[in-house]
């Protein structure tokens, strides 16, 4: 289920929730949602929290067997599955967490977490950099977001005229209008006047005591004594 359909489904469910009698799956979903939200609040970011909560909703809407097994197992699987989409395990990302840390945070084994994550990934067709399940920080450089099929030809919508970008945004194909995010060009630099001394004359040299001392500490690429 895509996030757009999910949002509509959530709105419909919230409108009729008072008339709905929670079943075992919904009770499990409610507990999983709380675990996911608390974990993201403590260890990750609000962007991760929102996406993990939406992924929990999607798992419930797709009738995944959330009532089978410990809620912590499903909660860890949701965070791990979404983390794989956004490369959460990459230490170059911020924030980042290893699979072992996620499992430990929920108090379950990695094997249980990965088994639940595999079900979620397969049933919801998740993949790395999935456009609908990326955190905002990953969207701008995600080619899957901006490469659109135009008459059978792949095109980067970021290089298209603004009108085409607006239409793609109206159709829900892109998350925002790239032209709105482009930084204005800096004003041209005015060149300063160069003052040249007459031939044979130089500027007065600075006294030895006023000159910048040379750095004798080893640099990043030099070892001691080099």
C-alpha atoms as a PDB file:
ATOM      1  CA  UNK A   1       0.000   0.000   0.000  1.00  0.00           C
ATOM      2  CA  UNK A   2       1.379   3.427  -0.982  1.00  0.00           C
ATOM      3  CA  UNK A   3       1.421   6.280   1.514  1.00  0.00           C
ATOM      4  CA  UNK A   4      -1.182   8.262  -0.458  1.00  0.00           C
ATOM      5  CA  UNK A   5      -3.722   5.435  -0.248  1.00  0.00           C
ATOM      6  CA  UNK A   6      -2.647   4.884   3.331  1.00  0.00           C
ATOM      7  CA  UNK A   7      -3.397   8.505   4.263  1.00  0.00           C
ATOM      8  CA  UNK A   8      -6.908   8.193   2.865  1.00  0.00           C
ATOM      9  CA  UNK A   9      -7.417   4.904   4.667  1.00  0.00           C
ATOM     10  CA  UNK A  10      -6.243   6.420   7.950  1.00  0.00           C
ATOM     11  CA  UNK A  11      -8.653   9.334   7.563  1.00  0.00           C
ATOM     12  CA  UNK A  12     -11.543   6.977   6.912  1.00  0.00           C
ATOM     13  CA  UNK A  13     -10.618   4.782   9.870  1.00  0.00           C
ATOM     14  CA  UNK A  14     -10.242   7.728  12.234  1.00  0.00           C
ATOM     15  CA  UNK A  15     -13.716   8.933  11.254  1.00  0.00           C
ATOM     16  CA  UNK A  16     -15.356   5.601  11.985  1.00  0.00           C
ATOM     17  CA  UNK A  17     -13.113   4.391  14.819  1.00  0.00           C
ATOM     18  CA  UNK A  18     -15.616   5.057  17.644  1.00  0.00           C
ATOM     19  CA  UNK A  19     -18.058   2.642  15.975  1.00  0.00           C
ATOM     20  CA  UNK A  20     -15.430  -0.061  15.465  1.00  0.00           C
ATOM     21  CA  UNK A  21     -14.882  -2.842  17.992  1.00  0.00           C
ATOM     22  CA  UNK A  22     -11.152  -3.574  18.320  1.00  0.00           C
ATOM     23  CA  UNK A  23     -10.239  -7.158  17.461  1.00  0.00           C
ATOM     24  CA  UNK A  24      -7.062  -9.045  18.390  1.00  0.00           C
ATOM     25  CA  UNK A  25      -5.192  -7.672  15.384  1.00  0.00           C
ATOM     26  CA  UNK A  26      -6.163  -4.108  16.211  1.00  0.00           C
ATOM     27  CA  UNK A  27      -5.161  -4.539  19.851  1.00  0.00           C
ATOM     28  CA  UNK A  28      -1.766  -5.843  18.714  1.00  0.00           C
ATOM     29  CA  UNK A  29      -1.473  -3.003  16.212  1.00  0.00           C
ATOM     30  CA  UNK A  30      -2.148  -0.448  18.924  1.00  0.00           C
ATOM     31  CA  UNK A  31       0.615  -1.874  21.116  1.00  0.00           C
ATOM     32  CA  UNK A  32       3.063  -2.092  18.213  1.00  0.00           C
ATOM     33  CA  UNK A  33       2.339   1.505  17.273  1.00  0.00           C
ATOM     34  CA  UNK A  34       3.153   2.641  20.806  1.00  0.00           C
ATOM     35  CA  UNK A  35       6.429   0.698  20.837  1.00  0.00           C
ATOM     36  CA  UNK A  36       7.480   2.080  17.469  1.00  0.00           C
ATOM     37  CA  UNK A  37       6.624   5.643  18.413  1.00  0.00           C
ATOM     38  CA  UNK A  38       8.499   5.473  21.724  1.00  0.00           C
ATOM     39  CA  UNK A  39      11.568   3.910  20.128  1.00  0.00           C
ATOM     40  CA  UNK A  40      11.806   6.538  17.387  1.00  0.00           C
ATOM     41  CA  UNK A  41      11.235   9.335  19.878  1.00  0.00           C
ATOM     42  CA  UNK A  42      14.112   8.105  22.040  1.00  0.00           C
ATOM     43  CA  UNK A  43      16.649   6.962  19.449  1.00  0.00           C
ATOM     44  CA  UNK A  44      15.780   8.363  16.017  1.00  0.00           C
ATOM     45  CA  UNK A  45      14.018  11.446  14.622  1.00  0.00           C
ATOM     46  CA  UNK A  46      10.502  12.766  14.108  1.00  0.00           C
ATOM     47  CA  UNK A  47      10.779  11.932  10.400  1.00  0.00           C
ATOM     48  CA  UNK A  48      11.501   8.304  11.250  1.00  0.00           C
ATOM     49  CA  UNK A  49       8.720   8.287  13.830  1.00  0.00           C
ATOM     50  CA  UNK A  50       6.138   9.496  11.326  1.00  0.00           C
ATOM     51  CA  UNK A  51       7.202   7.020   8.659  1.00  0.00           C
ATOM     52  CA  UNK A  52       7.390   4.092  11.080  1.00  0.00           C
ATOM     53  CA  UNK A  53       3.906   4.878  12.357  1.00  0.00           C
ATOM     54  CA  UNK A  54       2.626   5.002   8.766  1.00  0.00           C
ATOM     55  CA  UNK A  55       4.350   1.697   8.037  1.00  0.00           C
ATOM     56  CA  UNK A  56       2.638   0.197  11.077  1.00  0.00           C
ATOM     57  CA  UNK A  57      -0.707   1.395   9.719  1.00  0.00           C
ATOM     58  CA  UNK A  58       0.126  -0.073   6.315  1.00  0.00           C
ATOM     59  CA  UNK A  59       1.018  -3.437   7.879  1.00  0.00           C
ATOM     60  CA  UNK A  60      -2.358  -3.465   9.650  1.00  0.00           C
ATOM     61  CA  UNK A  61      -4.272  -2.424   6.517  1.00  0.00           C
ATOM     62  CA  UNK A  62      -2.597  -5.228   4.549  1.00  0.00           C
ATOM     63  CA  UNK A  63      -3.805  -7.690   7.197  1.00  0.00           C
ATOM     64  CA  UNK A  64      -0.367  -8.838   8.258  1.00  0.00           C
ATOM     65  CA  UNK A  65      -0.692 -11.268  11.208  1.00  0.00           C
ATOM     66  CA  UNK A  66       0.278  -8.695  13.828  1.00  0.00           C
ATOM     67  CA  UNK A  67      -1.540 -10.620  16.551  1.00  0.00           C
ATOM     68  CA  UNK A  68       0.851 -13.570  16.096  1.00  0.00           C
ATOM     69  CA  UNK A  69       4.098 -13.222  17.948  1.00  0.00           C
ATOM     70  CA  UNK A  70       5.358 -10.578  20.351  1.00  0.00           C
ATOM     71  CA  UNK A  71       4.482  -6.946  19.547  1.00  0.00           C
ATOM     72  CA  UNK A  72       8.148  -6.034  20.142  1.00  0.00           C
ATOM     73  CA  UNK A  73       9.122  -8.405  17.322  1.00  0.00           C
ATOM     74  CA  UNK A  74       6.826  -6.656  14.859  1.00  0.00           C
ATOM     75  CA  UNK A  75       7.839  -3.214  16.124  1.00  0.00           C
ATOM     76  CA  UNK A  76      11.532  -3.963  15.650  1.00  0.00           C
ATOM     77  CA  UNK A  77      10.803  -5.430  12.206  1.00  0.00           C
ATOM     78  CA  UNK A  78       9.029  -2.223  11.183  1.00  0.00           C
ATOM     79  CA  UNK A  79      11.940  -0.016  12.283  1.00  0.00           C
ATOM     80  CA  UNK A  80      14.476  -2.348  10.680  1.00  0.00           C
ATOM     81  CA  UNK A  81      12.530  -2.574   7.396  1.00  0.00           C
ATOM     82  CA  UNK A  82      12.178   1.187   7.158  1.00  0.00           C
ATOM     83  CA  UNK A  83      15.811   1.589   8.158  1.00  0.00           C
ATOM     84  CA  UNK A  84      16.862  -0.576   5.201  1.00  0.00           C
ATOM     85  CA  UNK A  85      14.923   1.704   2.863  1.00  0.00           C
ATOM     86  CA  UNK A  86      16.825   4.721   4.219  1.00  0.00           C
ATOM     87  CA  UNK A  87      20.215   3.094   4.894  1.00  0.00           C
ATOM     88  CA  UNK A  88      19.902   3.558   8.640  1.00  0.00           C
ATOM     89  CA  UNK A  89      22.681   0.985   9.154  1.00  0.00           C
ATOM     90  CA  UNK A  90      25.166   3.107   7.163  1.00  0.00           C
ATOM     91  CA  UNK A  91      27.533   4.786   9.683  1.00  0.00           C
ATOM     92  CA  UNK A  92      27.871   7.732   7.283  1.00  0.00           C
ATOM     93  CA  UNK A  93      24.190   8.544   7.807  1.00  0.00           C
ATOM     94  CA  UNK A  94      22.813  10.559  10.681  1.00  0.00           C
ATOM     95  CA  UNK A  95      21.134   9.103  12.608  1.00  0.00           C
ATOM     96  CA  UNK A  96      22.391   5.565  12.156  1.00  0.00           C
ATOM     97  CA  UNK A  97      21.823   2.317  14.057  1.00  0.00           C
ATOM     98  CA  UNK A  98      23.037  -1.201  13.476  1.00  0.00           C
ATOM     99  CA  UNK A  99      20.642  -4.134  13.273  1.00  0.00           C
ATOM    100  CA  UNK A 100      21.993  -5.368  16.610  1.00  0.00           C
ATOM    101  CA  UNK A 101      21.223  -2.024  18.249  1.00  0.00           C
ATOM    102  CA  UNK A 102      17.658  -1.993  16.926  1.00  0.00           C
ATOM    103  CA  UNK A 103      17.014  -5.525  18.177  1.00  0.00           C
ATOM    104  CA  UNK A 104      18.564  -4.735  21.557  1.00  0.00           C
ATOM    105  CA  UNK A 105      16.453  -1.593  21.854  1.00  0.00           C
ATOM    106  CA  UNK A 106      13.308  -3.710  21.590  1.00  0.00           C
ATOM    107  CA  UNK A 107      14.672  -6.537  23.719  1.00  0.00           C
ATOM    108  CA  UNK A 108      14.354  -9.247  21.078  1.00  0.00           C
ATOM    109  CA  UNK A 109      16.750 -11.322  18.959  1.00  0.00           C
ATOM    110  CA  UNK A 110      18.044 -10.215  15.576  1.00  0.00           C
ATOM    111  CA  UNK A 111      16.646 -13.398  14.035  1.00  0.00           C
ATOM    112  CA  UNK A 112      13.110 -12.527  15.197  1.00  0.00           C
ATOM    113  CA  UNK A 113      13.456  -8.929  14.041  1.00  0.00           C
ATOM    114  CA  UNK A 114      14.703  -9.903  10.582  1.00  0.00           C
ATOM    115  CA  UNK A 115      11.999 -12.543  10.152  1.00  0.00           C
ATOM    116  CA  UNK A 116       9.277  -9.956  10.828  1.00  0.00           C
ATOM    117  CA  UNK A 117      11.041  -7.377   8.646  1.00  0.00           C
ATOM    118  CA  UNK A 118      11.148  -9.861   5.766  1.00  0.00           C
ATOM    119  CA  UNK A 119       7.373 -10.334   5.946  1.00  0.00           C
ATOM    120  CA  UNK A 120       6.827  -6.566   6.001  1.00  0.00           C
ATOM    121  CA  UNK A 121       9.255  -5.975   3.141  1.00  0.00           C
ATOM    122  CA  UNK A 122       7.740  -8.673   0.920  1.00  0.00           C
ATOM    123  CA  UNK A 123       4.092  -7.817   1.597  1.00  0.00           C
ATOM    124  CA  UNK A 124       4.556  -4.047   1.174  1.00  0.00           C
ATOM    125  CA  UNK A 125       7.080  -4.248  -1.688  1.00  0.00           C
ATOM    126  CA  UNK A 126       9.701  -2.209   0.135  1.00  0.00           C
ATOM    127  CA  UNK A 127      13.053  -1.582  -1.487  1.00  0.00           C
ATOM    128  CA  UNK A 128      16.046   0.675  -0.792  1.00  0.00           C
ATOM    129  CA  UNK A 129      15.237   4.323  -1.548  1.00  0.00           C
ATOM    130  CA  UNK A 130      11.535   3.533  -2.077  1.00  0.00           C
ATOM    131  CA  UNK A 131      10.188   7.003  -3.030  1.00  0.00           C
ATOM    132  CA  UNK A 132       7.111   6.781  -0.787  1.00  0.00           C
ATOM    133  CA  UNK A 133       9.034   5.541   2.263  1.00  0.00           C
ATOM    134  CA  UNK A 134      12.083   7.821   2.236  1.00  0.00           C
ATOM    135  CA  UNK A 135      12.789  10.276   5.013  1.00  0.00           C
ATOM    136  CA  UNK A 136      12.862  13.880   3.689  1.00  0.00           C
ATOM    137  CA  UNK A 137      16.660  14.071   3.960  1.00  0.00           C
ATOM    138  CA  UNK A 138      16.958  11.220   1.430  1.00  0.00           C
ATOM    139  CA  UNK A 139      14.497  12.615  -1.110  1.00  0.00           C
ATOM    140  CA  UNK A 140      16.566  15.329  -2.758  1.00  0.00           C
ATOM    141  CA  UNK A 141      19.309  13.018  -4.035  1.00  0.00           C
ATOM    142  CA  UNK A 142      17.082  10.003  -4.631  1.00  0.00           C
ATOM    143  CA  UNK A 143      16.933   9.320  -8.392  1.00  0.00           C
ATOM    144  CA  UNK A 144      13.833   7.149  -7.968  1.00  0.00           C
ATOM    145  CA  UNK A 145      11.929  10.261  -6.887  1.00  0.00           C
ATOM    146  CA  UNK A 146      12.804  12.542  -9.801  1.00  0.00           C
ATOM    147  CA  UNK A 147      13.248  10.258 -12.830  1.00  0.00           C
ATOM    148  CA  UNK A 148       9.842  10.085 -14.524  1.00  0.00           C
ATOM    149  CA  UNK A 149       8.721   8.235 -17.625  1.00  0.00           C
ATOM    150  CA  UNK A 150       7.711  10.783 -20.276  1.00  0.00           C
ATOM    151  CA  UNK A 151       6.383   9.098 -23.442  1.00  0.00           C
ATOM    152  CA  UNK A 152       8.571   6.100 -22.728  1.00  0.00           C
ATOM    153  CA  UNK A 153      11.704   8.183 -22.147  1.00  0.00           C
ATOM    154  CA  UNK A 154      13.177   8.534 -18.617  1.00  0.00           C
ATOM    155  CA  UNK A 155      13.530  12.221 -17.723  1.00  0.00           C
ATOM    156  CA  UNK A 156      14.837  13.999 -14.652  1.00  0.00           C
ATOM    157  CA  UNK A 157      11.942  16.313 -13.805  1.00  0.00           C
ATOM    158  CA  UNK A 158      14.315  18.650 -11.949  1.00  0.00           C
ATOM    159  CA  UNK A 159      15.640  19.865 -15.309  1.00  0.00           C
ATOM    160  CA  UNK A 160      12.177  20.368 -16.819  1.00  0.00           C
ATOM    161  CA  UNK A 161      10.359  23.722 -17.101  1.00  0.00           C
ATOM    162  CA  UNK A 162       8.468  24.840 -14.037  1.00  0.00           C
ATOM    163  CA  UNK A 163       5.108  24.149 -15.696  1.00  0.00           C
ATOM    164  CA  UNK A 164       6.029  20.481 -16.112  1.00  0.00           C
ATOM    165  CA  UNK A 165       7.187  20.319 -12.486  1.00  0.00           C
ATOM    166  CA  UNK A 166       3.906  21.829 -11.295  1.00  0.00           C
ATOM    167  CA  UNK A 167       1.906  19.281 -13.284  1.00  0.00           C
ATOM    168  CA  UNK A 168       3.986  16.396 -11.919  1.00  0.00           C
ATOM    169  CA  UNK A 169       3.419  17.718  -8.402  1.00  0.00           C
ATOM    170  CA  UNK A 170      -0.326  18.101  -9.032  1.00  0.00           C
ATOM    171  CA  UNK A 171      -0.472  14.467 -10.132  1.00  0.00           C
ATOM    172  CA  UNK A 172       1.339  13.391  -6.974  1.00  0.00           C
ATOM    173  CA  UNK A 173       4.389  12.127  -8.855  1.00  0.00           C
ATOM    174  CA  UNK A 174       6.920  14.226  -6.946  1.00  0.00           C
ATOM    175  CA  UNK A 175       6.944  15.412  -3.307  1.00  0.00           C
ATOM    176  CA  UNK A 176       7.529  19.097  -4.065  1.00  0.00           C
ATOM    177  CA  UNK A 177       8.317  21.485  -6.931  1.00  0.00           C
ATOM    178  CA  UNK A 178      12.117  21.453  -7.398  1.00  0.00           C
ATOM    179  CA  UNK A 179      12.127  24.993  -8.819  1.00  0.00           C
ATOM    180  CA  UNK A 180      10.911  26.257  -5.428  1.00  0.00           C
ATOM    181  CA  UNK A 181      13.987  24.795  -3.722  1.00  0.00           C
ATOM    182  CA  UNK A 182      16.605  26.262  -6.059  1.00  0.00           C
ATOM    183  CA  UNK A 183      18.842  28.800  -4.384  1.00  0.00           C
ATOM    184  CA  UNK A 184      19.082  32.214  -6.055  1.00  0.00           C
ATOM    185  CA  UNK A 185      22.330  32.935  -7.850  1.00  0.00           C
ATOM    186  CA  UNK A 186      24.718  35.067  -5.795  1.00  0.00           C
ATOM    187  CA  UNK A 187      25.208  38.668  -6.988  1.00  0.00           C
ATOM    188  CA  UNK A 188      28.280  39.228  -9.173  1.00  0.00           C
ATOM    189  CA  UNK A 189      31.433  39.972  -7.243  1.00  0.00           C
ATOM    190  CA  UNK A 190      32.890  43.436  -7.752  1.00  0.00           C
ATOM    191  CA  UNK A 191      36.586  43.285  -8.376  1.00  0.00           C
ATOM    192  CA  UNK A 192      38.705  45.391  -6.069  1.00  0.00           C
ATOM    193  CA  UNK A 193      41.229  47.843  -7.429  1.00  0.00           C
ATOM    194  CA  UNK A 194      44.749  46.430  -7.585  1.00  0.00           C
ATOM    195  CA  UNK A 195      47.386  48.818  -6.316  1.00  0.00           C
ATOM    196  CA  UNK A 196      50.821  48.278  -7.851  1.00  0.00           C
ATOM    197  CA  UNK A 197      53.966  49.716  -6.361  1.00  0.00           C
ATOM    198  CA  UNK A 198      56.354  51.604  -8.614  1.00  0.00           C
ATOM    199  CA  UNK A 199      59.159  49.597 -10.150  1.00  0.00           C
ATOM    200  CA  UNK A 200      61.923  48.814  -7.732  1.00  0.00           C
ATOM    201  CA  UNK A 201      59.762  49.366  -4.655  1.00  0.00           C
ATOM    202  CA  UNK A 202      58.089  46.765  -2.537  1.00  0.00           C
ATOM    203  CA  UNK A 203      55.792  46.930   0.395  1.00  0.00           C
ATOM    204  CA  UNK A 204      57.556  47.227   3.725  1.00  0.00           C
ATOM    205  CA  UNK A 205      58.361  43.719   4.975  1.00  0.00           C
ATOM    206  CA  UNK A 206      56.929  42.799   8.302  1.00  0.00           C
ATOM    207  CA  UNK A 207      59.423  42.426  11.132  1.00  0.00           C
ATOM    208  CA  UNK A 208      60.413  38.886  12.056  1.00  0.00           C
ATOM    209  CA  UNK A 209      58.450  39.001  15.302  1.00  0.00           C
ATOM    210  CA  UNK A 210      55.240  39.967  13.502  1.00  0.00           C
ATOM    211  CA  UNK A 211      55.371  37.249  10.854  1.00  0.00           C
ATOM    212  CA  UNK A 212      53.028  34.269  11.062  1.00  0.00           C
ATOM    213  CA  UNK A 213      54.819  31.360  12.774  1.00  0.00           C
ATOM    214  CA  UNK A 214      55.126  28.234  10.678  1.00  0.00           C
ATOM    215  CA  UNK A 215      53.026  25.309  11.770  1.00  0.00           C
ATOM    216  CA  UNK A 216      55.421  22.639  13.030  1.00  0.00           C
ATOM    217  CA  UNK A 217      52.642  20.287  14.188  1.00  0.00           C
ATOM    218  CA  UNK A 218      52.072  17.194  12.023  1.00  0.00           C
ATOM    219  CA  UNK A 219      49.107  17.508   9.658  1.00  0.00           C
ATOM    220  CA  UNK A 220      46.439  14.912   9.003  1.00  0.00           C
ATOM    221  CA  UNK A 221      48.579  13.374   6.263  1.00  0.00           C
ATOM    222  CA  UNK A 222      51.940  13.674   7.992  1.00  0.00           C
ATOM    223  CA  UNK A 223      53.301  11.576  10.767  1.00  0.00           C
ATOM    224  CA  UNK A 224      55.656  12.839  13.459  1.00  0.00           C
ATOM    225  CA  UNK A 225      59.125  13.554  12.194  1.00  0.00           C
ATOM    226  CA  UNK A 226      58.126  13.891   8.486  1.00  0.00           C
END
